[in-house]
Amino acid sequence: MDHKQLRSFVASAETLHFAKAAKALGVPRSTVVADVRKLEESVGADLFARDVESTQLTDAGYAFLIEARRQLDASAAAAAKSAPAPGGKAKANKGKGRAPKVKGEPLPYKKRQGR
């Protein structure tokens, strides 16, 4: 299953409000609704009972919420495990060639600069 869809579902299930979930995720509301609908199609059950005034989780939604959180936690743990260790060898920034001339400064190999 797509992690984006799982995150949208978990945020929607926690807030029971698609607009608040979209704001928390930083995506448009239509994206959250579309992700949840695709997830419902792939699961084959309605995860939310939608009314005009409220949104509630169904029994299948509660069961799937536990599974979705488990999958997201497992993927986060795997990502943290595979991350490289902090630190390492720093590289010195070595210049290439001579330093650029600055207007008005005498050249290093001349005692006096002509005009």
PDB file of N, CA and C in Angstrom:
ATOM      1  N   MET A   1       0.830  -1.179   0.000  1.00  0.00           N
ATOM      2  CA  MET A   1       0.000   0.000   0.000  1.00  0.00           C
ATOM      3  C   MET A   1       0.876   1.244   0.000  1.00  0.00           C
ATOM      4  N   ASP A   2       0.357   2.296  -0.529  1.00  0.00           N
ATOM      5  CA  ASP A   2       1.078   3.547  -0.652  1.00  0.00           C
ATOM      6  C   ASP A   2       1.154   4.241   0.713  1.00  0.00           C
ATOM      7  N   HIS A   3       2.353   4.670   1.081  1.00  0.00           N
ATOM      8  CA  HIS A   3       2.530   5.321   2.380  1.00  0.00           C
ATOM      9  C   HIS A   3       1.818   6.660   2.436  1.00  0.00           C
ATOM     10  N   LYS A   4       1.726   7.334   1.307  1.00  0.00           N
ATOM     11  CA  LYS A   4       1.016   8.609   1.263  1.00  0.00           C
ATOM     12  C   LYS A   4      -0.461   8.407   1.597  1.00  0.00           C
ATOM     13  N   GLN A   5      -1.048   7.365   1.052  1.00  0.00           N
ATOM     14  CA  GLN A   5      -2.448   7.065   1.339  1.00  0.00           C
ATOM     15  C   GLN A   5      -2.625   6.669   2.808  1.00  0.00           C
ATOM     16  N   LEU A   6      -1.680   5.898   3.335  1.00  0.00           N
ATOM     17  CA  LEU A   6      -1.763   5.502   4.740  1.00  0.00           C
ATOM     18  C   LEU A   6      -1.656   6.714   5.667  1.00  0.00           C
ATOM     19  N   ARG A   7      -0.736   7.639   5.345  1.00  0.00           N
ATOM     20  CA  ARG A   7      -0.613   8.845   6.163  1.00  0.00           C
ATOM     21  C   ARG A   7      -1.879   9.684   6.108  1.00  0.00           C
ATOM     22  N   SER A   8      -2.487   9.790   4.930  1.00  0.00           N
ATOM     23  CA  SER A   8      -3.734  10.542   4.796  1.00  0.00           C
ATOM     24  C   SER A   8      -4.841   9.894   5.619  1.00  0.00           C
ATOM     25  N   PHE A   9      -4.916   8.567   5.575  1.00  0.00           N
ATOM     26  CA  PHE A   9      -5.946   7.861   6.337  1.00  0.00           C
ATOM     27  C   PHE A   9      -5.748   8.036   7.837  1.00  0.00           C
ATOM     28  N   VAL A  10      -4.518   7.882   8.318  1.00  0.00           N
ATOM     29  CA  VAL A  10      -4.251   7.988   9.750  1.00  0.00           C
ATOM     30  C   VAL A  10      -4.552   9.404  10.245  1.00  0.00           C
ATOM     31  N   ALA A  11      -4.142  10.411   9.488  1.00  0.00           N
ATOM     32  CA  ALA A  11      -4.419  11.791   9.892  1.00  0.00           C
ATOM     33  C   ALA A  11      -5.922  12.058   9.908  1.00  0.00           C
ATOM     34  N   SER A  12      -6.641  11.531   8.925  1.00  0.00           N
ATOM     35  CA  SER A  12      -8.092  11.716   8.869  1.00  0.00           C
ATOM     36  C   SER A  12      -8.782  10.973  10.001  1.00  0.00           C
ATOM     37  N   ALA A  13      -8.292   9.789  10.322  1.00  0.00           N
ATOM     38  CA  ALA A  13      -8.893   8.995  11.397  1.00  0.00           C
ATOM     39  C   ALA A  13      -8.643   9.629  12.759  1.00  0.00           C
ATOM     40  N   GLU A  14      -7.491  10.251  12.940  1.00  0.00           N
ATOM     41  CA  GLU A  14      -7.194  10.878  14.220  1.00  0.00           C
ATOM     42  C   GLU A  14      -8.003  12.148  14.444  1.00  0.00           C
ATOM     43  N   THR A  15      -8.204  12.929  13.388  1.00  0.00           N
ATOM     44  CA  THR A  15      -8.936  14.188  13.537  1.00  0.00           C
ATOM     45  C   THR A  15     -10.425  14.037  13.250  1.00  0.00           C
ATOM     46  N   LEU A  16     -10.786  12.987  12.494  1.00  0.00           N
ATOM     47  CA  LEU A  16     -12.166  12.781  12.017  1.00  0.00           C
ATOM     48  C   LEU A  16     -12.684  14.001  11.269  1.00  0.00           C
ATOM     49  N   HIS A  17     -11.755  14.646  10.544  1.00  0.00           N
ATOM     50  CA  HIS A  17     -12.103  15.821   9.751  1.00  0.00           C
ATOM     51  C   HIS A  17     -11.089  15.915   8.619  1.00  0.00           C
ATOM     52  N   PHE A  18     -11.563  15.835   7.381  1.00  0.00           N
ATOM     53  CA  PHE A  18     -10.653  15.786   6.235  1.00  0.00           C
ATOM     54  C   PHE A  18      -9.901  17.100   6.039  1.00  0.00           C
ATOM     55  N   ALA A  19     -10.556  18.227   6.272  1.00  0.00           N
ATOM     56  CA  ALA A  19      -9.897  19.516   6.083  1.00  0.00           C
ATOM     57  C   ALA A  19      -8.779  19.722   7.109  1.00  0.00           C
ATOM     58  N   LYS A  20      -9.028  19.340   8.357  1.00  0.00           N
ATOM     59  CA  LYS A  20      -7.988  19.473   9.386  1.00  0.00           C
ATOM     60  C   LYS A  20      -6.825  18.525   9.117  1.00  0.00           C
ATOM     61  N   ALA A  21      -7.136  17.346   8.633  1.00  0.00           N
ATOM     62  CA  ALA A  21      -6.078  16.393   8.281  1.00  0.00           C
ATOM     63  C   ALA A  21      -5.242  16.921   7.123  1.00  0.00           C
ATOM     64  N   ALA A  22      -5.905  17.531   6.147  1.00  0.00           N
ATOM     65  CA  ALA A  22      -5.185  18.088   5.005  1.00  0.00           C
ATOM     66  C   ALA A  22      -4.276  19.227   5.444  1.00  0.00           C
ATOM     67  N   LYS A  23      -4.761  20.047   6.352  1.00  0.00           N
ATOM     68  CA  LYS A  23      -3.945  21.156   6.849  1.00  0.00           C
ATOM     69  C   LYS A  23      -2.740  20.638   7.621  1.00  0.00           C
ATOM     70  N   ALA A  24      -2.942  19.590   8.418  1.00  0.00           N
ATOM     71  CA  ALA A  24      -1.837  19.008   9.182  1.00  0.00           C
ATOM     72  C   ALA A  24      -0.783  18.391   8.257  1.00  0.00           C
ATOM     73  N   LEU A  25      -1.227  17.816   7.145  1.00  0.00           N
ATOM     74  CA  LEU A  25      -0.301  17.193   6.194  1.00  0.00           C
ATOM     75  C   LEU A  25       0.289  18.191   5.205  1.00  0.00           C
ATOM     76  N   GLY A  26      -0.337  19.361   5.094  1.00  0.00           N
ATOM     77  CA  GLY A  26       0.148  20.370   4.155  1.00  0.00           C
ATOM     78  C   GLY A  26      -0.217  20.072   2.717  1.00  0.00           C
ATOM     79  N   VAL A  27      -1.365  19.442   2.502  1.00  0.00           N
ATOM     80  CA  VAL A  27      -1.835  19.119   1.156  1.00  0.00           C
ATOM     81  C   VAL A  27      -3.280  19.606   1.015  1.00  0.00           C
ATOM     82  N   PRO A  28      -3.800  19.697  -0.205  1.00  0.00           N
ATOM     83  CA  PRO A  28      -5.199  20.089  -0.372  1.00  0.00           C
ATOM     84  C   PRO A  28      -6.161  19.027   0.162  1.00  0.00           C
ATOM     85  N   ARG A  29      -7.350  19.461   0.552  1.00  0.00           N
ATOM     86  CA  ARG A  29      -8.363  18.557   1.090  1.00  0.00           C
ATOM     87  C   ARG A  29      -8.745  17.499   0.065  1.00  0.00           C
ATOM     88  N   SER A  30      -8.820  17.889  -1.196  1.00  0.00           N
ATOM     89  CA  SER A  30      -9.212  16.942  -2.240  1.00  0.00           C
ATOM     90  C   SER A  30      -8.213  15.794  -2.361  1.00  0.00           C
ATOM     91  N   THR A  31      -6.940  16.067  -2.095  1.00  0.00           N
ATOM     92  CA  THR A  31      -5.928  15.026  -2.145  1.00  0.00           C
ATOM     93  C   THR A  31      -6.152  13.996  -1.041  1.00  0.00           C
ATOM     94  N   VAL A  32      -6.478  14.472   0.161  1.00  0.00           N
ATOM     95  CA  VAL A  32      -6.725  13.569   1.284  1.00  0.00           C
ATOM     96  C   VAL A  32      -7.951  12.708   1.001  1.00  0.00           C
ATOM     97  N   VAL A  33      -9.023  13.329   0.502  1.00  0.00           N
ATOM     98  CA  VAL A  33     -10.252  12.584   0.204  1.00  0.00           C
ATOM     99  C   VAL A  33      -9.994  11.548  -0.883  1.00  0.00           C
ATOM    100  N   ALA A  34      -9.244  11.934  -1.922  1.00  0.00           N
ATOM    101  CA  ALA A  34      -8.939  10.990  -3.004  1.00  0.00           C
ATOM    102  C   ALA A  34      -8.079   9.831  -2.505  1.00  0.00           C
ATOM    103  N   ASP A  35      -7.095  10.129  -1.640  1.00  0.00           N
ATOM    104  CA  ASP A  35      -6.248   9.064  -1.090  1.00  0.00           C
ATOM    105  C   ASP A  35      -7.073   8.081  -0.259  1.00  0.00           C
ATOM    106  N   VAL A  36      -8.000   8.606   0.545  1.00  0.00           N
ATOM    107  CA  VAL A  36      -8.822   7.732   1.383  1.00  0.00           C
ATOM    108  C   VAL A  36      -9.748   6.886   0.515  1.00  0.00           C
ATOM    109  N   ARG A  37     -10.300   7.475  -0.523  1.00  0.00           N
ATOM    110  CA  ARG A  37     -11.186   6.708  -1.423  1.00  0.00           C
ATOM    111  C   ARG A  37     -10.414   5.594  -2.140  1.00  0.00           C
ATOM    112  N   LYS A  38      -9.200   5.896  -2.597  1.00  0.00           N
ATOM    113  CA  LYS A  38      -8.382   4.864  -3.243  1.00  0.00           C
ATOM    114  C   LYS A  38      -8.050   3.746  -2.254  1.00  0.00           C
ATOM    115  N   LEU A  39      -7.774   4.126  -1.025  1.00  0.00           N
ATOM    116  CA  LEU A  39      -7.474   3.143   0.003  1.00  0.00           C
ATOM    117  C   LEU A  39      -8.694   2.281   0.303  1.00  0.00           C
ATOM    118  N   GLU A  40      -9.865   2.885   0.327  1.00  0.00           N
ATOM    119  CA  GLU A  40     -11.099   2.128   0.546  1.00  0.00           C
ATOM    120  C   GLU A  40     -11.351   1.153  -0.595  1.00  0.00           C
ATOM    121  N   GLU A  41     -11.045   1.569  -1.818  1.00  0.00           N
ATOM    122  CA  GLU A  41     -11.207   0.679  -2.970  1.00  0.00           C
ATOM    123  C   GLU A  41     -10.242  -0.507  -2.886  1.00  0.00           C
ATOM    124  N   SER A  42      -8.997  -0.230  -2.484  1.00  0.00           N
ATOM    125  CA  SER A  42      -8.023  -1.321  -2.423  1.00  0.00           C
ATOM    126  C   SER A  42      -8.319  -2.273  -1.261  1.00  0.00           C
ATOM    127  N   VAL A  43      -8.852  -1.747  -0.157  1.00  0.00           N
ATOM    128  CA  VAL A  43      -9.203  -2.599   0.983  1.00  0.00           C
ATOM    129  C   VAL A  43     -10.496  -3.352   0.694  1.00  0.00           C
ATOM    130  N   GLY A  44     -11.413  -2.703   0.014  1.00  0.00           N
ATOM    131  CA  GLY A  44     -12.694  -3.329  -0.310  1.00  0.00           C
ATOM    132  C   GLY A  44     -13.752  -3.112   0.758  1.00  0.00           C
ATOM    133  N   ALA A  45     -13.560  -2.093   1.599  1.00  0.00           N
ATOM    134  CA  ALA A  45     -14.539  -1.787   2.643  1.00  0.00           C
ATOM    135  C   ALA A  45     -14.537  -0.290   2.895  1.00  0.00           C
ATOM    136  N   ASP A  46     -15.678   0.215   3.385  1.00  0.00           N
ATOM    137  CA  ASP A  46     -15.751   1.622   3.763  1.00  0.00           C
ATOM    138  C   ASP A  46     -15.040   1.795   5.099  1.00  0.00           C
ATOM    139  N   LEU A  47     -14.095   2.719   5.139  1.00  0.00           N
ATOM    140  CA  LEU A  47     -13.347   2.970   6.360  1.00  0.00           C
ATOM    141  C   LEU A  47     -13.976   4.086   7.192  1.00  0.00           C
ATOM    142  N   PHE A  48     -14.724   4.961   6.536  1.00  0.00           N
ATOM    143  CA  PHE A  48     -15.396   6.070   7.211  1.00  0.00           C
ATOM    144  C   PHE A  48     -16.883   6.017   6.923  1.00  0.00           C
ATOM    145  N   ALA A  49     -17.678   6.390   7.930  1.00  0.00           N
ATOM    146  CA  ALA A  49     -19.113   6.602   7.747  1.00  0.00           C
ATOM    147  C   ALA A  49     -19.291   8.116   7.631  1.00  0.00           C
ATOM    148  N   ARG A  50     -19.554   8.587   6.426  1.00  0.00           N
ATOM    149  CA  ARG A  50     -19.628  10.023   6.174  1.00  0.00           C
ATOM    150  C   ARG A  50     -21.087  10.477   6.198  1.00  0.00           C
ATOM    151  N   ASP A  51     -21.367  11.464   7.025  1.00  0.00           N
ATOM    152  CA  ASP A  51     -22.656  12.129   7.054  1.00  0.00           C
ATOM    153  C   ASP A  51     -22.436  13.584   6.665  1.00  0.00           C
ATOM    154  N   VAL A  52     -23.540  14.303   6.534  1.00  0.00           N
ATOM    155  CA  VAL A  52     -23.431  15.721   6.205  1.00  0.00           C
ATOM    156  C   VAL A  52     -22.764  16.471   7.362  1.00  0.00           C
ATOM    157  N   GLU A  53     -23.052  16.069   8.588  1.00  0.00           N
ATOM    158  CA  GLU A  53     -22.556  16.800   9.745  1.00  0.00           C
ATOM    159  C   GLU A  53     -21.302  16.214  10.371  1.00  0.00           C
ATOM    160  N   SER A  54     -21.046  14.932  10.191  1.00  0.00           N
ATOM    161  CA  SER A  54     -19.893  14.340  10.879  1.00  0.00           C
ATOM    162  C   SER A  54     -19.279  13.209  10.055  1.00  0.00           C
ATOM    163  N   THR A  55     -18.087  12.841  10.470  1.00  0.00           N
ATOM    164  CA  THR A  55     -17.363  11.723   9.881  1.00  0.00           C
ATOM    165  C   THR A  55     -16.937  10.810  11.021  1.00  0.00           C
ATOM    166  N   GLN A  56     -17.260   9.523  10.918  1.00  0.00           N
ATOM    167  CA  GLN A  56     -16.924   8.554  11.953  1.00  0.00           C
ATOM    168  C   GLN A  56     -16.218   7.367  11.316  1.00  0.00           C
ATOM    169  N   LEU A  57     -15.379   6.705  12.090  1.00  0.00           N
ATOM    170  CA  LEU A  57     -14.722   5.486  11.622  1.00  0.00           C
ATOM    171  C   LEU A  57     -15.692   4.315  11.732  1.00  0.00           C
ATOM    172  N   THR A  58     -15.649   3.447  10.752  1.00  0.00           N
ATOM    173  CA  THR A  58     -16.430   2.214  10.822  1.00  0.00           C
ATOM    174  C   THR A  58     -15.618   1.172  11.587  1.00  0.00           C
ATOM    175  N   ASP A  59     -16.201   0.004  11.813  1.00  0.00           N
ATOM    176  CA  ASP A  59     -15.463  -1.073  12.484  1.00  0.00           C
ATOM    177  C   ASP A  59     -14.253  -1.494  11.657  1.00  0.00           C
ATOM    178  N   ALA A  60     -14.440  -1.550  10.355  1.00  0.00           N
ATOM    179  CA  ALA A  60     -13.322  -1.873   9.470  1.00  0.00           C
ATOM    180  C   ALA A  60     -12.264  -0.767   9.541  1.00  0.00           C
ATOM    181  N   GLY A  61     -12.710   0.469   9.704  1.00  0.00           N
ATOM    182  CA  GLY A  61     -11.788   1.595   9.822  1.00  0.00           C
ATOM    183  C   GLY A  61     -10.936   1.515  11.072  1.00  0.00           C
ATOM    184  N   TYR A  62     -11.553   1.127  12.200  1.00  0.00           N
ATOM    185  CA  TYR A  62     -10.788   0.963  13.441  1.00  0.00           C
ATOM    186  C   TYR A  62      -9.752  -0.141  13.299  1.00  0.00           C
ATOM    187  N   ALA A  63     -10.149  -1.248  12.701  1.00  0.00           N
ATOM    188  CA  ALA A  63      -9.220  -2.362  12.526  1.00  0.00           C
ATOM    189  C   ALA A  63      -8.081  -1.973  11.581  1.00  0.00           C
ATOM    190  N   PHE A  64      -8.415  -1.258  10.519  1.00  0.00           N
ATOM    191  CA  PHE A  64      -7.399  -0.866   9.556  1.00  0.00           C
ATOM    192  C   PHE A  64      -6.485   0.219  10.117  1.00  0.00           C
ATOM    193  N   LEU A  65      -6.996   1.057  11.028  1.00  0.00           N
ATOM    194  CA  LEU A  65      -6.175   2.104  11.633  1.00  0.00           C
ATOM    195  C   LEU A  65      -5.012   1.493  12.412  1.00  0.00           C
ATOM    196  N   ILE A  66      -5.270   0.421  13.124  1.00  0.00           N
ATOM    197  CA  ILE A  66      -4.205  -0.260  13.874  1.00  0.00           C
ATOM    198  C   ILE A  66      -3.147  -0.797  12.914  1.00  0.00           C
ATOM    199  N   GLU A  67      -3.593  -1.410  11.833  1.00  0.00           N
ATOM    200  CA  GLU A  67      -2.669  -1.965  10.836  1.00  0.00           C
ATOM    201  C   GLU A  67      -1.888  -0.855  10.130  1.00  0.00           C
ATOM    202  N   ALA A  68      -2.553   0.250   9.806  1.00  0.00           N
ATOM    203  CA  ALA A  68      -1.889   1.356   9.115  1.00  0.00           C
ATOM    204  C   ALA A  68      -0.813   1.973  10.000  1.00  0.00           C
ATOM    205  N   ARG A  69      -1.110   2.165  11.273  1.00  0.00           N
ATOM    206  CA  ARG A  69      -0.102   2.713  12.188  1.00  0.00           C
ATOM    207  C   ARG A  69       1.083   1.765  12.316  1.00  0.00           C
ATOM    208  N   ARG A  70       0.815   0.471  12.362  1.00  0.00           N
ATOM    209  CA  ARG A  70       1.893  -0.513  12.469  1.00  0.00           C
ATOM    210  C   ARG A  70       2.793  -0.462  11.241  1.00  0.00           C
ATOM    211  N   GLN A  71       2.187  -0.364  10.048  1.00  0.00           N
ATOM    212  CA  GLN A  71       2.978  -0.303   8.819  1.00  0.00           C
ATOM    213  C   GLN A  71       3.808   0.977   8.750  1.00  0.00           C
ATOM    214  N   LEU A  72       3.227   2.103   9.144  1.00  0.00           N
ATOM    215  CA  LEU A  72       3.971   3.361   9.109  1.00  0.00           C
ATOM    216  C   LEU A  72       5.113   3.354  10.127  1.00  0.00           C
ATOM    217  N   ASP A  73       4.872   2.788  11.308  1.00  0.00           N
ATOM    218  CA  ASP A  73       5.937   2.700  12.305  1.00  0.00           C
ATOM    219  C   ASP A  73       7.060   1.783  11.833  1.00  0.00           C
ATOM    220  N   ALA A  74       6.699   0.679  11.188  1.00  0.00           N
ATOM    221  CA  ALA A  74       7.711  -0.254  10.686  1.00  0.00           C
ATOM    222  C   ALA A  74       8.549   0.388   9.588  1.00  0.00           C
ATOM    223  N   SER A  75       7.924   1.154   8.704  1.00  0.00           N
ATOM    224  CA  SER A  75       8.684   1.791   7.629  1.00  0.00           C
ATOM    225  C   SER A  75       9.554   2.920   8.175  1.00  0.00           C
ATOM    226  N   ALA A  76       9.081   3.629   9.195  1.00  0.00           N
ATOM    227  CA  ALA A  76       9.898   4.684   9.801  1.00  0.00           C
ATOM    228  C   ALA A  76      11.109   4.084  10.518  1.00  0.00           C
ATOM    229  N   ALA A  77      10.903   2.957  11.180  1.00  0.00           N
ATOM    230  CA  ALA A  77      12.013   2.297  11.865  1.00  0.00           C
ATOM    231  C   ALA A  77      13.039   1.780  10.855  1.00  0.00           C
ATOM    232  N   ALA A  78      12.567   1.249   9.742  1.00  0.00           N
ATOM    233  CA  ALA A  78      13.485   0.757   8.712  1.00  0.00           C
ATOM    234  C   ALA A  78      14.265   1.907   8.080  1.00  0.00           C
ATOM    235  N   ALA A  79      13.610   3.046   7.901  1.00  0.00           N
ATOM    236  CA  ALA A  79      14.296   4.203   7.326  1.00  0.00           C
ATOM    237  C   ALA A  79      15.345   4.744   8.288  1.00  0.00           C
ATOM    238  N   ALA A  80      15.027   4.763   9.569  1.00  0.00           N
ATOM    239  CA  ALA A  80      15.989   5.243  10.563  1.00  0.00           C
ATOM    240  C   ALA A  80      17.172   4.283  10.690  1.00  0.00           C
ATOM    241  N   LYS A  81      16.898   3.008  10.526  1.00  0.00           N
ATOM    242  CA  LYS A  81      17.955   2.000  10.636  1.00  0.00           C
ATOM    243  C   LYS A  81      18.936   2.088   9.467  1.00  0.00           C
ATOM    244  N   SER A  82      18.433   2.422   8.290  1.00  0.00           N
ATOM    245  CA  SER A  82      19.277   2.458   7.105  1.00  0.00           C
ATOM    246  C   SER A  82      19.940   3.816   6.885  1.00  0.00           C
ATOM    247  N   ALA A  83      19.645   4.801   7.731  1.00  0.00           N
ATOM    248  CA  ALA A  83      20.254   6.120   7.575  1.00  0.00           C
ATOM    249  C   ALA A  83      21.733   6.043   7.930  1.00  0.00           C
ATOM    250  N   PRO A  84      22.571   6.783   7.209  1.00  0.00           N
ATOM    251  CA  PRO A  84      24.000   6.751   7.518  1.00  0.00           C
ATOM    252  C   PRO A  84      24.278   7.414   8.870  1.00  0.00           C
ATOM    253  N   ALA A  85      25.347   6.982   9.495  1.00  0.00           N
ATOM    254  CA  ALA A  85      25.720   7.539  10.792  1.00  0.00           C
ATOM    255  C   ALA A  85      26.193   8.977  10.615  1.00  0.00           C
ATOM    256  N   PRO A  86      25.873   9.843  11.558  1.00  0.00           N
ATOM    257  CA  PRO A  86      26.310  11.235  11.431  1.00  0.00           C
ATOM    258  C   PRO A  86      27.818  11.343  11.597  1.00  0.00           C
ATOM    259  N   GLY A  87      28.358  12.400  11.071  1.00  0.00           N
ATOM    260  CA  GLY A  87      29.803  12.629  11.167  1.00  0.00           C
ATOM    261  C   GLY A  87      30.525  12.095   9.964  1.00  0.00           C
ATOM    262  N   GLY A  88      31.806  12.046  10.049  1.00  0.00           N
ATOM    263  CA  GLY A  88      32.609  11.545   8.946  1.00  0.00           C
ATOM    264  C   GLY A  88      33.783  12.466   8.697  1.00  0.00           C
ATOM    265  N   LYS A  89      34.524  12.181   7.669  1.00  0.00           N
ATOM    266  CA  LYS A  89      35.710  12.940   7.356  1.00  0.00           C
ATOM    267  C   LYS A  89      35.333  14.222   6.614  1.00  0.00           C
ATOM    268  N   ALA A  90      35.805  15.322   7.119  1.00  0.00           N
ATOM    269  CA  ALA A  90      35.550  16.602   6.476  1.00  0.00           C
ATOM    270  C   ALA A  90      36.618  16.851   5.418  1.00  0.00           C
ATOM    271  N   LYS A  91      36.243  17.438   4.324  1.00  0.00           N
ATOM    272  CA  LYS A  91      37.184  17.754   3.263  1.00  0.00           C
ATOM    273  C   LYS A  91      37.563  19.224   3.344  1.00  0.00           C
ATOM    274  N   ALA A  92      38.824  19.488   3.182  1.00  0.00           N
ATOM    275  CA  ALA A  92      39.283  20.865   3.173  1.00  0.00           C
ATOM    276  C   ALA A  92      38.969  21.480   1.817  1.00  0.00           C
ATOM    277  N   ASN A  93      38.578  22.712   1.841  1.00  0.00           N
ATOM    278  CA  ASN A  93      38.286  23.415   0.603  1.00  0.00           C
ATOM    279  C   ASN A  93      39.595  24.007   0.098  1.00  0.00           C
ATOM    280  N   LYS A  94      40.139  23.416  -0.925  1.00  0.00           N
ATOM    281  CA  LYS A  94      41.405  23.888  -1.464  1.00  0.00           C
ATOM    282  C   LYS A  94      41.131  24.736  -2.686  1.00  0.00           C
ATOM    283  N   GLY A  95      41.796  25.882  -2.716  1.00  0.00           N
ATOM    284  CA  GLY A  95      41.609  26.787  -3.839  1.00  0.00           C
ATOM    285  C   GLY A  95      42.313  26.288  -5.082  1.00  0.00           C
ATOM    286  N   LYS A  96      41.897  26.776  -6.197  1.00  0.00           N
ATOM    287  CA  LYS A  96      42.497  26.400  -7.470  1.00  0.00           C
ATOM    288  C   LYS A  96      43.218  27.620  -8.042  1.00  0.00           C
ATOM    289  N   GLY A  97      44.524  27.510  -8.249  1.00  0.00           N
ATOM    290  CA  GLY A  97      45.277  28.585  -8.868  1.00  0.00           C
ATOM    291  C   GLY A  97      45.580  29.721  -7.906  1.00  0.00           C
ATOM    292  N   ARG A  98      45.949  30.879  -8.477  1.00  0.00           N
ATOM    293  CA  ARG A  98      46.315  32.031  -7.665  1.00  0.00           C
ATOM    294  C   ARG A  98      45.072  32.783  -7.214  1.00  0.00           C
ATOM    295  N   ALA A  99      45.265  33.568  -6.187  1.00  0.00           N
ATOM    296  CA  ALA A  99      44.170  34.408  -5.697  1.00  0.00           C
ATOM    297  C   ALA A  99      43.873  35.492  -6.732  1.00  0.00           C
ATOM    298  N   PRO A 100      42.635  35.931  -6.840  1.00  0.00           N
ATOM    299  CA  PRO A 100      42.314  36.965  -7.832  1.00  0.00           C
ATOM    300  C   PRO A 100      42.925  38.310  -7.451  1.00  0.00           C
ATOM    301  N   LYS A 101      43.204  39.131  -8.473  1.00  0.00           N
ATOM    302  CA  LYS A 101      43.779  40.443  -8.221  1.00  0.00           C
ATOM    303  C   LYS A 101      42.696  41.352  -7.664  1.00  0.00           C
ATOM    304  N   VAL A 102      43.106  42.160  -6.713  1.00  0.00           N
ATOM    305  CA  VAL A 102      42.208  43.164  -6.156  1.00  0.00           C
ATOM    306  C   VAL A 102      42.675  44.506  -6.665  1.00  0.00           C
ATOM    307  N   LYS A 103      41.751  45.312  -7.157  1.00  0.00           N
ATOM    308  CA  LYS A 103      42.096  46.608  -7.734  1.00  0.00           C
ATOM    309  C   LYS A 103      42.720  47.498  -6.667  1.00  0.00           C
ATOM    310  N   GLY A 104      43.866  48.061  -6.982  1.00  0.00           N
ATOM    311  CA  GLY A 104      44.542  48.953  -6.070  1.00  0.00           C
ATOM    312  C   GLY A 104      45.598  48.283  -5.225  1.00  0.00           C
ATOM    313  N   GLU A 105      45.608  46.975  -5.151  1.00  0.00           N
ATOM    314  CA  GLU A 105      46.620  46.262  -4.365  1.00  0.00           C
ATOM    315  C   GLU A 105      47.859  46.031  -5.239  1.00  0.00           C
ATOM    316  N   PRO A 106      49.046  46.179  -4.670  1.00  0.00           N
ATOM    317  CA  PRO A 106      50.237  45.920  -5.481  1.00  0.00           C
ATOM    318  C   PRO A 106      50.388  44.427  -5.764  1.00  0.00           C
ATOM    319  N   LEU A 107      50.982  44.113  -6.882  1.00  0.00           N
ATOM    320  CA  LEU A 107      51.230  42.723  -7.222  1.00  0.00           C
ATOM    321  C   LEU A 107      52.275  42.161  -6.264  1.00  0.00           C
ATOM    322  N   PRO A 108      52.173  40.883  -5.903  1.00  0.00           N
ATOM    323  CA  PRO A 108      53.079  40.342  -4.897  1.00  0.00           C
ATOM    324  C   PRO A 108      54.538  40.278  -5.347  1.00  0.00           C
ATOM    325  N   TYR A 109      54.832  40.258  -6.632  1.00  0.00           N
ATOM    326  CA  TYR A 109      56.212  40.127  -7.090  1.00  0.00           C
ATOM    327  C   TYR A 109      56.805  41.453  -7.536  1.00  0.00           C
ATOM    328  N   LYS A 110      56.102  42.559  -7.430  1.00  0.00           N
ATOM    329  CA  LYS A 110      56.611  43.876  -7.796  1.00  0.00           C
ATOM    330  C   LYS A 110      56.667  44.753  -6.553  1.00  0.00           C
ATOM    331  N   LYS A 111      57.702  45.591  -6.507  1.00  0.00           N
ATOM    332  CA  LYS A 111      57.785  46.499  -5.372  1.00  0.00           C
ATOM    333  C   LYS A 111      56.845  47.664  -5.543  1.00  0.00           C
ATOM    334  N   ARG A 112      56.690  48.117  -6.794  1.00  0.00           N
ATOM    335  CA  ARG A 112      55.836  49.251  -7.040  1.00  0.00           C
ATOM    336  C   ARG A 112      54.987  48.979  -8.290  1.00  0.00           C
ATOM    337  N   GLN A 113      53.752  49.328  -8.218  1.00  0.00           N
ATOM    338  CA  GLN A 113      52.886  49.085  -9.354  1.00  0.00           C
ATOM    339  C   GLN A 113      52.815  50.338 -10.211  1.00  0.00           C
ATOM    340  N   GLY A 114      53.045  50.169 -11.494  1.00  0.00           N
ATOM    341  CA  GLY A 114      52.976  51.289 -12.403  1.00  0.00           C
ATOM    342  C   GLY A 114      51.538  51.613 -12.768  1.00  0.00           C
ATOM    343  N   ARG A 115      51.398  52.814 -13.358  1.00  0.00           N
ATOM    344  CA  ARG A 115      50.044  53.224 -13.710  1.00  0.00           C
ATOM    345  C   ARG A 115      49.728  52.883 -15.105  1.00  0.00           C
TER     346      ARG A 115
END
